[in-house]
């Protein structure tokens, strides 16, 4: 199975010094570094390790940069979407890739372990960063198993989706999930596997939800292991800039508008309404900057509704298994 490892760098050459060699050691894979307007040694790091270098001269969003990168790896069977701060263990692809050959499987979620840097802290017992990604019945997306002991989640199983730090997809699934390119300033003009209006946070959950609606399953494979430096998580949220928290807050609603089904909404409406009431109260009392997120959603709503028409026209399943998590 021809595979590309697509790595995005935003001035992350120090991380690439460790993550690139680990990616290059994977069998039967081409490594492609997407250089998102970097001013550091990213090009040199790519050359050192024989990776193909895709240069984006003017820095853009994560979503737009990944769409540019994906356009460069069309002639493969599988794509590993990999963050520069994610370090693959030997045999990662050998463990994950065969799962894509199973019927109905469109993506694979690995076991990600938490680390504070490339060399980690060997004095601490490893903890899970993510054993896949989930969306619960309140429509709150999150990491499965975050903070649990390394030995947890040792069984392969179906899960909702793969976290964007390291997500293995069939290339044809990504192509089918892509939204049509749109004209206008600021757009790449490319098919949008990642919704460029969302820019960054929750774009991976949005993609996983779309794949689900098209009938594709995701499998969690615990033998595929990587270590990841997590920027935004339940344990680090308080340290993240307000603009990023607001982006995550508003993107949940954009994700709903496009992907929610009538059947799912009617089934879970009481849970959703209770959670949203509490979320609004929290924003008013504790994080008033989040209120701007509601205004941003309103401005982006017309485009999201257009995207919804496209997504729902392709939908082949009515019920999506919210709350689905890999067993511990």
C-alpha atoms as a PDB file:
ATOM      1  CA  UNK A   1       0.000   0.000   0.000  1.00  0.00           C
ATOM      2  CA  UNK A   2       1.693   3.198  -1.206  1.00  0.00           C
ATOM      3  CA  UNK A   3       1.784   5.606   1.729  1.00  0.00           C
ATOM      4  CA  UNK A   4       2.711   9.234   2.217  1.00  0.00           C
ATOM      5  CA  UNK A   5       3.561  10.712   5.616  1.00  0.00           C
ATOM      6  CA  UNK A   6       2.429  14.324   5.448  1.00  0.00           C
ATOM      7  CA  UNK A   7       4.129  16.497   8.069  1.00  0.00           C
ATOM      8  CA  UNK A   8       3.320  20.166   8.645  1.00  0.00           C
ATOM      9  CA  UNK A   9       5.943  22.545  10.036  1.00  0.00           C
ATOM     10  CA  UNK A  10       5.272  26.049  11.326  1.00  0.00           C
ATOM     11  CA  UNK A  11       8.821  27.003  12.353  1.00  0.00           C
ATOM     12  CA  UNK A  12       9.166  23.609  14.021  1.00  0.00           C
ATOM     13  CA  UNK A  13      12.640  22.609  12.853  1.00  0.00           C
ATOM     14  CA  UNK A  14      13.723  21.659  16.428  1.00  0.00           C
ATOM     15  CA  UNK A  15      10.869  19.139  16.556  1.00  0.00           C
ATOM     16  CA  UNK A  16      11.548  17.922  13.010  1.00  0.00           C
ATOM     17  CA  UNK A  17      15.100  17.080  14.063  1.00  0.00           C
ATOM     18  CA  UNK A  18      13.528  14.196  16.005  1.00  0.00           C
ATOM     19  CA  UNK A  19      10.175  13.504  14.335  1.00  0.00           C
ATOM     20  CA  UNK A  20      11.547  13.380  10.768  1.00  0.00           C
ATOM     21  CA  UNK A  21      14.088  10.578  11.401  1.00  0.00           C
ATOM     22  CA  UNK A  22      11.368   8.559  13.151  1.00  0.00           C
ATOM     23  CA  UNK A  23       9.044   9.052  10.154  1.00  0.00           C
ATOM     24  CA  UNK A  24      11.808   8.233   7.666  1.00  0.00           C
ATOM     25  CA  UNK A  25      12.399   4.865   9.391  1.00  0.00           C
ATOM     26  CA  UNK A  26       8.861   3.689   8.621  1.00  0.00           C
ATOM     27  CA  UNK A  27       8.770   1.082   5.856  1.00  0.00           C
ATOM     28  CA  UNK A  28       7.383   1.772   2.385  1.00  0.00           C
ATOM     29  CA  UNK A  29       6.481   5.418   2.939  1.00  0.00           C
ATOM     30  CA  UNK A  30       7.353   8.733   1.336  1.00  0.00           C
ATOM     31  CA  UNK A  31       7.787  11.611   3.786  1.00  0.00           C
ATOM     32  CA  UNK A  32       6.512  15.018   2.663  1.00  0.00           C
ATOM     33  CA  UNK A  33       7.177  18.149   4.727  1.00  0.00           C
ATOM     34  CA  UNK A  34       4.740  21.016   4.227  1.00  0.00           C
ATOM     35  CA  UNK A  35       6.647  24.194   5.044  1.00  0.00           C
ATOM     36  CA  UNK A  36       4.020  26.713   6.150  1.00  0.00           C
ATOM     37  CA  UNK A  37       5.923  29.981   5.680  1.00  0.00           C
ATOM     38  CA  UNK A  38       8.802  28.818   7.867  1.00  0.00           C
ATOM     39  CA  UNK A  39      11.714  31.127   8.619  1.00  0.00           C
ATOM     40  CA  UNK A  40      13.786  28.484  10.417  1.00  0.00           C
ATOM     41  CA  UNK A  41      15.754  25.413   9.292  1.00  0.00           C
ATOM     42  CA  UNK A  42      12.732  23.395   8.150  1.00  0.00           C
ATOM     43  CA  UNK A  43      13.958  23.138   4.492  1.00  0.00           C
ATOM     44  CA  UNK A  44      17.358  21.908   5.652  1.00  0.00           C
ATOM     45  CA  UNK A  45      15.798  19.315   7.948  1.00  0.00           C
ATOM     46  CA  UNK A  46      13.679  18.000   5.073  1.00  0.00           C
ATOM     47  CA  UNK A  47      16.736  17.663   2.822  1.00  0.00           C
ATOM     48  CA  UNK A  48      18.780  15.956   5.556  1.00  0.00           C
ATOM     49  CA  UNK A  49      16.270  13.141   5.850  1.00  0.00           C
ATOM     50  CA  UNK A  50      15.347  12.743   2.184  1.00  0.00           C
ATOM     51  CA  UNK A  51      11.848  14.176   2.605  1.00  0.00           C
ATOM     52  CA  UNK A  52      10.038  16.001  -0.159  1.00  0.00           C
ATOM     53  CA  UNK A  53       9.713  19.682   0.669  1.00  0.00           C
ATOM     54  CA  UNK A  54       6.518  21.593  -0.201  1.00  0.00           C
ATOM     55  CA  UNK A  55       7.010  25.319   0.348  1.00  0.00           C
ATOM     56  CA  UNK A  56       4.124  27.670   1.167  1.00  0.00           C
ATOM     57  CA  UNK A  57       5.631  31.134   0.928  1.00  0.00           C
ATOM     58  CA  UNK A  58       2.921  33.040   2.778  1.00  0.00           C
ATOM     59  CA  UNK A  59       1.849  31.485   6.067  1.00  0.00           C
ATOM     60  CA  UNK A  60      -1.718  30.283   6.120  1.00  0.00           C
ATOM     61  CA  UNK A  61      -4.022  28.329   8.435  1.00  0.00           C
ATOM     62  CA  UNK A  62      -3.520  24.697   9.394  1.00  0.00           C
ATOM     63  CA  UNK A  63      -6.530  23.662   7.313  1.00  0.00           C
ATOM     64  CA  UNK A  64      -5.361  25.504   4.204  1.00  0.00           C
ATOM     65  CA  UNK A  65      -1.780  24.244   4.548  1.00  0.00           C
ATOM     66  CA  UNK A  66      -2.930  20.646   4.906  1.00  0.00           C
ATOM     67  CA  UNK A  67      -5.160  20.969   1.837  1.00  0.00           C
ATOM     68  CA  UNK A  68      -2.144  22.210  -0.124  1.00  0.00           C
ATOM     69  CA  UNK A  69      -0.087  19.292   1.147  1.00  0.00           C
ATOM     70  CA  UNK A  70      -2.789  16.748   0.325  1.00  0.00           C
ATOM     71  CA  UNK A  71      -2.938  18.041  -3.239  1.00  0.00           C
ATOM     72  CA  UNK A  72       0.735  17.051  -3.507  1.00  0.00           C
ATOM     73  CA  UNK A  73       0.167  13.405  -2.484  1.00  0.00           C
ATOM     74  CA  UNK A  74      -2.673  12.288  -4.721  1.00  0.00           C
ATOM     75  CA  UNK A  75      -0.907   9.248  -6.221  1.00  0.00           C
ATOM     76  CA  UNK A  76      -0.830   7.137  -3.031  1.00  0.00           C
ATOM     77  CA  UNK A  77      -3.140   4.645  -1.345  1.00  0.00           C
ATOM     78  CA  UNK A  78      -2.849   5.979   2.211  1.00  0.00           C
ATOM     79  CA  UNK A  79      -1.831   9.180   3.970  1.00  0.00           C
ATOM     80  CA  UNK A  80      -0.561   9.556   7.512  1.00  0.00           C
ATOM     81  CA  UNK A  81      -1.378  13.077   8.706  1.00  0.00           C
ATOM     82  CA  UNK A  82       1.384  13.773  11.221  1.00  0.00           C
ATOM     83  CA  UNK A  83       2.219  16.770  13.387  1.00  0.00           C
ATOM     84  CA  UNK A  84       5.842  17.877  13.622  1.00  0.00           C
ATOM     85  CA  UNK A  85       5.663  17.362  17.399  1.00  0.00           C
ATOM     86  CA  UNK A  86       4.588  13.727  17.084  1.00  0.00           C
ATOM     87  CA  UNK A  87       7.299  11.038  17.198  1.00  0.00           C
ATOM     88  CA  UNK A  88       6.523   7.635  15.667  1.00  0.00           C
ATOM     89  CA  UNK A  89       7.767   4.476  17.303  1.00  0.00           C
ATOM     90  CA  UNK A  90       9.396   1.814  15.066  1.00  0.00           C
ATOM     91  CA  UNK A  91       6.810  -0.350  13.334  1.00  0.00           C
ATOM     92  CA  UNK A  92       4.059   2.269  13.580  1.00  0.00           C
ATOM     93  CA  UNK A  93       2.919   1.948   9.968  1.00  0.00           C
ATOM     94  CA  UNK A  94       3.469  -1.811   9.931  1.00  0.00           C
ATOM     95  CA  UNK A  95       0.904  -2.088  12.744  1.00  0.00           C
ATOM     96  CA  UNK A  96      -1.583   0.514  11.498  1.00  0.00           C
ATOM     97  CA  UNK A  97      -1.604   0.119   7.726  1.00  0.00           C
ATOM     98  CA  UNK A  98      -3.118  -3.417   7.467  1.00  0.00           C
ATOM     99  CA  UNK A  99      -6.272  -2.188   9.233  1.00  0.00           C
ATOM    100  CA  UNK A 100      -7.085  -0.032   6.200  1.00  0.00           C
ATOM    101  CA  UNK A 101      -7.502  -3.209   4.162  1.00  0.00           C
ATOM    102  CA  UNK A 102     -10.438  -4.316   6.321  1.00  0.00           C
ATOM    103  CA  UNK A 103     -13.894  -3.809   4.874  1.00  0.00           C
ATOM    104  CA  UNK A 104     -15.396  -0.411   5.642  1.00  0.00           C
ATOM    105  CA  UNK A 105     -12.334   0.934   7.473  1.00  0.00           C
ATOM    106  CA  UNK A 106     -11.360   4.381   6.241  1.00  0.00           C
ATOM    107  CA  UNK A 107      -9.002   5.519   8.989  1.00  0.00           C
ATOM    108  CA  UNK A 108      -6.839   4.268  11.846  1.00  0.00           C
ATOM    109  CA  UNK A 109      -6.276   5.938  15.215  1.00  0.00           C
ATOM    110  CA  UNK A 110      -2.987   5.037  16.961  1.00  0.00           C
ATOM    111  CA  UNK A 111      -2.120   5.036  20.643  1.00  0.00           C
ATOM    112  CA  UNK A 112      -0.550   8.414  21.396  1.00  0.00           C
ATOM    113  CA  UNK A 113       1.512   8.800  24.572  1.00  0.00           C
ATOM    114  CA  UNK A 114       2.065  12.138  26.273  1.00  0.00           C
ATOM    115  CA  UNK A 115       5.521  13.688  26.203  1.00  0.00           C
ATOM    116  CA  UNK A 116       6.831  17.132  27.077  1.00  0.00           C
ATOM    117  CA  UNK A 117       9.435  17.150  24.314  1.00  0.00           C
ATOM    118  CA  UNK A 118      11.349  15.018  21.827  1.00  0.00           C
ATOM    119  CA  UNK A 119      13.410  13.324  24.532  1.00  0.00           C
ATOM    120  CA  UNK A 120      10.573  13.083  27.042  1.00  0.00           C
ATOM    121  CA  UNK A 121      10.844  12.667  30.787  1.00  0.00           C
ATOM    122  CA  UNK A 122      11.933   9.096  31.474  1.00  0.00           C
ATOM    123  CA  UNK A 123      11.459   9.530  35.226  1.00  0.00           C
ATOM    124  CA  UNK A 124       7.652   9.678  34.897  1.00  0.00           C
ATOM    125  CA  UNK A 125       5.371   6.775  34.057  1.00  0.00           C
ATOM    126  CA  UNK A 126       3.974   7.297  30.547  1.00  0.00           C
ATOM    127  CA  UNK A 127       0.373   8.426  30.202  1.00  0.00           C
ATOM    128  CA  UNK A 128      -1.960   8.228  27.263  1.00  0.00           C
ATOM    129  CA  UNK A 129      -2.360  11.365  25.216  1.00  0.00           C
ATOM    130  CA  UNK A 130      -5.123   9.938  23.017  1.00  0.00           C
ATOM    131  CA  UNK A 131      -6.526   6.514  22.202  1.00  0.00           C
ATOM    132  CA  UNK A 132      -8.593   7.916  19.378  1.00  0.00           C
ATOM    133  CA  UNK A 133     -11.029  10.785  19.437  1.00  0.00           C
ATOM    134  CA  UNK A 134     -14.672  10.895  20.427  1.00  0.00           C
ATOM    135  CA  UNK A 135     -17.755  13.076  20.292  1.00  0.00           C
ATOM    136  CA  UNK A 136     -20.195  12.446  23.124  1.00  0.00           C
ATOM    137  CA  UNK A 137     -23.966  12.742  22.976  1.00  0.00           C
ATOM    138  CA  UNK A 138     -23.752  16.382  24.033  1.00  0.00           C
ATOM    139  CA  UNK A 139     -21.726  16.874  20.818  1.00  0.00           C
ATOM    140  CA  UNK A 140     -18.604  17.715  22.793  1.00  0.00           C
ATOM    141  CA  UNK A 141     -15.487  16.455  21.047  1.00  0.00           C
ATOM    142  CA  UNK A 142     -12.516  15.243  23.050  1.00  0.00           C
ATOM    143  CA  UNK A 143      -9.609  12.835  23.420  1.00  0.00           C
ATOM    144  CA  UNK A 144     -10.259   9.244  24.442  1.00  0.00           C
ATOM    145  CA  UNK A 145      -8.171   8.069  27.392  1.00  0.00           C
ATOM    146  CA  UNK A 146      -6.287  11.343  27.918  1.00  0.00           C
ATOM    147  CA  UNK A 147      -4.206  11.105  31.106  1.00  0.00           C
ATOM    148  CA  UNK A 148      -4.836   7.392  31.676  1.00  0.00           C
ATOM    149  CA  UNK A 149      -1.938   4.953  32.352  1.00  0.00           C
ATOM    150  CA  UNK A 150      -0.020   3.701  29.325  1.00  0.00           C
ATOM    151  CA  UNK A 151      -1.277   0.138  29.795  1.00  0.00           C
ATOM    152  CA  UNK A 152      -4.904   1.230  29.388  1.00  0.00           C
ATOM    153  CA  UNK A 153      -6.725   0.898  26.082  1.00  0.00           C
ATOM    154  CA  UNK A 154      -4.705  -2.150  25.052  1.00  0.00           C
ATOM    155  CA  UNK A 155      -7.405  -3.653  22.834  1.00  0.00           C
ATOM    156  CA  UNK A 156      -8.020  -2.784  19.198  1.00  0.00           C
ATOM    157  CA  UNK A 157     -11.567  -1.612  18.568  1.00  0.00           C
ATOM    158  CA  UNK A 158     -13.723   0.749  16.573  1.00  0.00           C
ATOM    159  CA  UNK A 159     -13.638   4.385  17.677  1.00  0.00           C
ATOM    160  CA  UNK A 160     -15.242   7.602  16.448  1.00  0.00           C
ATOM    161  CA  UNK A 161     -12.143   9.029  14.749  1.00  0.00           C
ATOM    162  CA  UNK A 162      -8.410   9.639  14.772  1.00  0.00           C
ATOM    163  CA  UNK A 163      -6.863  12.652  16.455  1.00  0.00           C
ATOM    164  CA  UNK A 164      -5.161  14.967  13.965  1.00  0.00           C
ATOM    165  CA  UNK A 165      -1.725  14.636  15.598  1.00  0.00           C
ATOM    166  CA  UNK A 166      -1.353  11.255  13.865  1.00  0.00           C
ATOM    167  CA  UNK A 167      -4.210  10.002  11.711  1.00  0.00           C
ATOM    168  CA  UNK A 168      -3.885   7.349   9.009  1.00  0.00           C
ATOM    169  CA  UNK A 169      -6.468   7.626   6.226  1.00  0.00           C
ATOM    170  CA  UNK A 170      -7.139   5.874   2.979  1.00  0.00           C
ATOM    171  CA  UNK A 171      -6.428   8.447   0.284  1.00  0.00           C
ATOM    172  CA  UNK A 172      -9.692   7.755  -1.533  1.00  0.00           C
ATOM    173  CA  UNK A 173     -11.625   8.378   1.681  1.00  0.00           C
ATOM    174  CA  UNK A 174     -10.009  11.800   2.017  1.00  0.00           C
ATOM    175  CA  UNK A 175     -10.913  12.534  -1.602  1.00  0.00           C
ATOM    176  CA  UNK A 176     -14.544  11.552  -1.030  1.00  0.00           C
ATOM    177  CA  UNK A 177     -14.737  13.636   2.134  1.00  0.00           C
ATOM    178  CA  UNK A 178     -13.351  16.736   0.406  1.00  0.00           C
ATOM    179  CA  UNK A 179     -15.683  19.705   0.021  1.00  0.00           C
ATOM    180  CA  UNK A 180     -15.664  21.565  -3.310  1.00  0.00           C
ATOM    181  CA  UNK A 181     -13.142  24.378  -3.718  1.00  0.00           C
ATOM    182  CA  UNK A 182     -14.546  27.851  -3.305  1.00  0.00           C
ATOM    183  CA  UNK A 183     -13.502  31.072  -5.004  1.00  0.00           C
ATOM    184  CA  UNK A 184     -12.462  34.210  -3.199  1.00  0.00           C
ATOM    185  CA  UNK A 185      -9.502  35.829  -1.527  1.00  0.00           C
ATOM    186  CA  UNK A 186      -7.896  33.736   1.178  1.00  0.00           C
ATOM    187  CA  UNK A 187      -9.057  30.403  -0.221  1.00  0.00           C
ATOM    188  CA  UNK A 188      -6.569  27.894  -1.606  1.00  0.00           C
ATOM    189  CA  UNK A 189      -8.964  27.103  -4.451  1.00  0.00           C
ATOM    190  CA  UNK A 190      -8.338  23.407  -3.744  1.00  0.00           C
ATOM    191  CA  UNK A 191     -10.752  20.683  -2.626  1.00  0.00           C
ATOM    192  CA  UNK A 192     -11.166  21.189   1.120  1.00  0.00           C
ATOM    193  CA  UNK A 193     -10.492  17.980   2.991  1.00  0.00           C
ATOM    194  CA  UNK A 194     -10.110  20.314   5.951  1.00  0.00           C
ATOM    195  CA  UNK A 195     -12.675  23.103   6.153  1.00  0.00           C
ATOM    196  CA  UNK A 196     -10.700  26.311   5.734  1.00  0.00           C
ATOM    197  CA  UNK A 197     -13.321  28.380   7.583  1.00  0.00           C
ATOM    198  CA  UNK A 198     -12.497  26.358  10.707  1.00  0.00           C
ATOM    199  CA  UNK A 199      -8.761  27.078  10.349  1.00  0.00           C
ATOM    200  CA  UNK A 200      -7.429  24.735  13.086  1.00  0.00           C
ATOM    201  CA  UNK A 201      -9.067  23.313  16.208  1.00  0.00           C
ATOM    202  CA  UNK A 202     -11.701  20.590  15.695  1.00  0.00           C
ATOM    203  CA  UNK A 203     -10.943  20.256  11.974  1.00  0.00           C
ATOM    204  CA  UNK A 204      -9.911  16.656  12.671  1.00  0.00           C
ATOM    205  CA  UNK A 205     -13.216  15.913  14.442  1.00  0.00           C
ATOM    206  CA  UNK A 206     -15.113  17.549  11.587  1.00  0.00           C
ATOM    207  CA  UNK A 207     -13.314  15.335   9.064  1.00  0.00           C
ATOM    208  CA  UNK A 208     -13.943  12.203  11.140  1.00  0.00           C
ATOM    209  CA  UNK A 209     -17.660  13.055  11.375  1.00  0.00           C
ATOM    210  CA  UNK A 210     -17.900  13.553   7.597  1.00  0.00           C
ATOM    211  CA  UNK A 211     -16.191  10.205   6.995  1.00  0.00           C
ATOM    212  CA  UNK A 212     -18.713   8.579   9.333  1.00  0.00           C
ATOM    213  CA  UNK A 213     -21.627  10.072   7.431  1.00  0.00           C
ATOM    214  CA  UNK A 214     -20.191   8.594   4.250  1.00  0.00           C
ATOM    215  CA  UNK A 215     -20.205   5.159   5.863  1.00  0.00           C
ATOM    216  CA  UNK A 216     -16.507   4.770   6.778  1.00  0.00           C
ATOM    217  CA  UNK A 217     -15.354   3.382  10.116  1.00  0.00           C
ATOM    218  CA  UNK A 218     -12.281   4.259  12.180  1.00  0.00           C
ATOM    219  CA  UNK A 219     -10.311   1.577  14.043  1.00  0.00           C
ATOM    220  CA  UNK A 220      -8.123   2.203  17.089  1.00  0.00           C
ATOM    221  CA  UNK A 221      -4.885   0.196  16.853  1.00  0.00           C
ATOM    222  CA  UNK A 222      -2.880   0.150  20.129  1.00  0.00           C
ATOM    223  CA  UNK A 223       0.174  -1.487  18.523  1.00  0.00           C
ATOM    224  CA  UNK A 224       0.732   1.668  16.472  1.00  0.00           C
ATOM    225  CA  UNK A 225       2.405   3.927  19.040  1.00  0.00           C
ATOM    226  CA  UNK A 226       3.691   7.500  18.895  1.00  0.00           C
ATOM    227  CA  UNK A 227       4.660  10.133  21.456  1.00  0.00           C
ATOM    228  CA  UNK A 228       3.054  13.552  21.180  1.00  0.00           C
ATOM    229  CA  UNK A 229       3.584  17.002  22.670  1.00  0.00           C
ATOM    230  CA  UNK A 230      -0.005  18.166  23.250  1.00  0.00           C
ATOM    231  CA  UNK A 231      -0.702  21.892  22.919  1.00  0.00           C
ATOM    232  CA  UNK A 232      -4.470  21.914  23.507  1.00  0.00           C
ATOM    233  CA  UNK A 233      -6.065  19.333  25.792  1.00  0.00           C
ATOM    234  CA  UNK A 234      -8.216  19.144  28.918  1.00  0.00           C
ATOM    235  CA  UNK A 235      -5.017  19.295  30.980  1.00  0.00           C
ATOM    236  CA  UNK A 236      -3.504  22.283  29.128  1.00  0.00           C
ATOM    237  CA  UNK A 237      -6.539  24.361  28.153  1.00  0.00           C
ATOM    238  CA  UNK A 238      -5.934  27.025  30.798  1.00  0.00           C
ATOM    239  CA  UNK A 239      -2.497  27.749  29.332  1.00  0.00           C
ATOM    240  CA  UNK A 240      -3.790  28.265  25.780  1.00  0.00           C
ATOM    241  CA  UNK A 241      -4.357  31.767  24.383  1.00  0.00           C
ATOM    242  CA  UNK A 242      -7.920  33.124  24.482  1.00  0.00           C
ATOM    243  CA  UNK A 243      -8.065  33.340  20.676  1.00  0.00           C
ATOM    244  CA  UNK A 244      -7.426  29.598  20.398  1.00  0.00           C
ATOM    245  CA  UNK A 245      -9.982  28.726  23.056  1.00  0.00           C
ATOM    246  CA  UNK A 246     -12.526  30.866  21.243  1.00  0.00           C
ATOM    247  CA  UNK A 247     -11.694  29.176  17.933  1.00  0.00           C
ATOM    248  CA  UNK A 248     -12.287  25.731  19.424  1.00  0.00           C
ATOM    249  CA  UNK A 249     -15.516  26.985  21.044  1.00  0.00           C
ATOM    250  CA  UNK A 250     -16.967  28.371  17.816  1.00  0.00           C
ATOM    251  CA  UNK A 251     -15.784  25.509  15.589  1.00  0.00           C
ATOM    252  CA  UNK A 252     -17.964  23.035  17.467  1.00  0.00           C
ATOM    253  CA  UNK A 253     -21.007  24.890  16.162  1.00  0.00           C
ATOM    254  CA  UNK A 254     -19.722  25.058  12.587  1.00  0.00           C
ATOM    255  CA  UNK A 255     -19.097  21.311  12.770  1.00  0.00           C
ATOM    256  CA  UNK A 256     -22.683  20.739  13.932  1.00  0.00           C
ATOM    257  CA  UNK A 257     -24.242  22.871  11.247  1.00  0.00           C
ATOM    258  CA  UNK A 258     -22.582  20.839   8.508  1.00  0.00           C
ATOM    259  CA  UNK A 259     -22.762  17.327   9.903  1.00  0.00           C
ATOM    260  CA  UNK A 260     -25.670  16.950  12.326  1.00  0.00           C
ATOM    261  CA  UNK A 261     -28.578  14.791  11.193  1.00  0.00           C
ATOM    262  CA  UNK A 262     -32.204  15.354  12.077  1.00  0.00           C
ATOM    263  CA  UNK A 263     -32.438  11.885  13.634  1.00  0.00           C
ATOM    264  CA  UNK A 264     -29.398  12.438  15.822  1.00  0.00           C
ATOM    265  CA  UNK A 265     -30.512  15.868  16.937  1.00  0.00           C
ATOM    266  CA  UNK A 266     -33.990  14.672  17.963  1.00  0.00           C
ATOM    267  CA  UNK A 267     -32.556  11.729  19.883  1.00  0.00           C
ATOM    268  CA  UNK A 268     -30.034  13.763  21.882  1.00  0.00           C
ATOM    269  CA  UNK A 269     -31.681  17.179  22.058  1.00  0.00           C
ATOM    270  CA  UNK A 270     -32.221  17.176  25.861  1.00  0.00           C
ATOM    271  CA  UNK A 271     -28.540  16.418  26.521  1.00  0.00           C
ATOM    272  CA  UNK A 272     -27.406  18.978  23.961  1.00  0.00           C
ATOM    273  CA  UNK A 273     -29.704  21.709  25.275  1.00  0.00           C
ATOM    274  CA  UNK A 274     -28.625  21.155  28.881  1.00  0.00           C
ATOM    275  CA  UNK A 275     -24.952  21.295  27.957  1.00  0.00           C
ATOM    276  CA  UNK A 276     -25.326  24.393  25.781  1.00  0.00           C
ATOM    277  CA  UNK A 277     -27.181  26.219  28.543  1.00  0.00           C
ATOM    278  CA  UNK A 278     -24.344  25.425  30.931  1.00  0.00           C
ATOM    279  CA  UNK A 279     -21.727  26.429  28.329  1.00  0.00           C
ATOM    280  CA  UNK A 280     -23.383  29.801  27.791  1.00  0.00           C
ATOM    281  CA  UNK A 281     -23.521  30.411  31.520  1.00  0.00           C
ATOM    282  CA  UNK A 282     -19.871  29.494  31.881  1.00  0.00           C
ATOM    283  CA  UNK A 283     -18.915  31.910  29.096  1.00  0.00           C
ATOM    284  CA  UNK A 284     -20.862  34.747  30.729  1.00  0.00           C
ATOM    285  CA  UNK A 285     -19.463  34.128  34.196  1.00  0.00           C
ATOM    286  CA  UNK A 286     -15.919  32.858  33.585  1.00  0.00           C
ATOM    287  CA  UNK A 287     -14.658  33.427  30.028  1.00  0.00           C
ATOM    288  CA  UNK A 288     -16.491  36.322  28.425  1.00  0.00           C
ATOM    289  CA  UNK A 289     -14.109  36.293  25.458  1.00  0.00           C
ATOM    290  CA  UNK A 290     -15.917  33.125  24.326  1.00  0.00           C
ATOM    291  CA  UNK A 291     -19.052  35.180  23.645  1.00  0.00           C
ATOM    292  CA  UNK A 292     -17.332  36.574  20.546  1.00  0.00           C
ATOM    293  CA  UNK A 293     -17.393  33.000  19.271  1.00  0.00           C
ATOM    294  CA  UNK A 294     -21.174  33.161  18.931  1.00  0.00           C
ATOM    295  CA  UNK A 295     -20.829  36.262  16.756  1.00  0.00           C
ATOM    296  CA  UNK A 296     -18.190  34.569  14.629  1.00  0.00           C
ATOM    297  CA  UNK A 297     -20.475  31.578  14.102  1.00  0.00           C
ATOM    298  CA  UNK A 298     -23.247  33.895  12.937  1.00  0.00           C
ATOM    299  CA  UNK A 299     -20.915  35.497  10.366  1.00  0.00           C
ATOM    300  CA  UNK A 300     -19.782  32.107   9.057  1.00  0.00           C
ATOM    301  CA  UNK A 301     -23.231  30.508   9.131  1.00  0.00           C
ATOM    302  CA  UNK A 302     -24.213  31.111   5.462  1.00  0.00           C
ATOM    303  CA  UNK A 303     -21.075  29.364   4.183  1.00  0.00           C
ATOM    304  CA  UNK A 304     -21.527  26.538   6.704  1.00  0.00           C
ATOM    305  CA  UNK A 305     -25.097  25.998   5.495  1.00  0.00           C
ATOM    306  CA  UNK A 306     -23.875  25.745   1.920  1.00  0.00           C
ATOM    307  CA  UNK A 307     -21.366  23.148   3.082  1.00  0.00           C
ATOM    308  CA  UNK A 308     -24.138  21.325   4.932  1.00  0.00           C
ATOM    309  CA  UNK A 309     -26.111  20.911   1.722  1.00  0.00           C
ATOM    310  CA  UNK A 310     -23.074  19.274   0.123  1.00  0.00           C
ATOM    311  CA  UNK A 311     -22.341  17.001   3.094  1.00  0.00           C
ATOM    312  CA  UNK A 312     -25.916  15.869   3.601  1.00  0.00           C
ATOM    313  CA  UNK A 313     -26.406  15.194  -0.117  1.00  0.00           C
ATOM    314  CA  UNK A 314     -23.581  12.642   0.062  1.00  0.00           C
ATOM    315  CA  UNK A 315     -24.631  11.088   3.375  1.00  0.00           C
ATOM    316  CA  UNK A 316     -25.223   7.320   3.320  1.00  0.00           C
ATOM    317  CA  UNK A 317     -25.913   6.716   7.041  1.00  0.00           C
ATOM    318  CA  UNK A 318     -28.419   8.386   9.358  1.00  0.00           C
ATOM    319  CA  UNK A 319     -27.078   7.440  12.767  1.00  0.00           C
ATOM    320  CA  UNK A 320     -23.540   8.209  13.882  1.00  0.00           C
ATOM    321  CA  UNK A 321     -22.296   6.406  17.033  1.00  0.00           C
ATOM    322  CA  UNK A 322     -21.663   9.341  19.337  1.00  0.00           C
ATOM    323  CA  UNK A 323     -19.949   8.354  22.549  1.00  0.00           C
ATOM    324  CA  UNK A 324     -18.163   5.474  20.804  1.00  0.00           C
ATOM    325  CA  UNK A 325     -14.794   4.887  22.492  1.00  0.00           C
ATOM    326  CA  UNK A 326     -12.208   2.133  22.320  1.00  0.00           C
ATOM    327  CA  UNK A 327     -12.429  -0.269  25.300  1.00  0.00           C
ATOM    328  CA  UNK A 328      -9.897   0.099  28.093  1.00  0.00           C
END
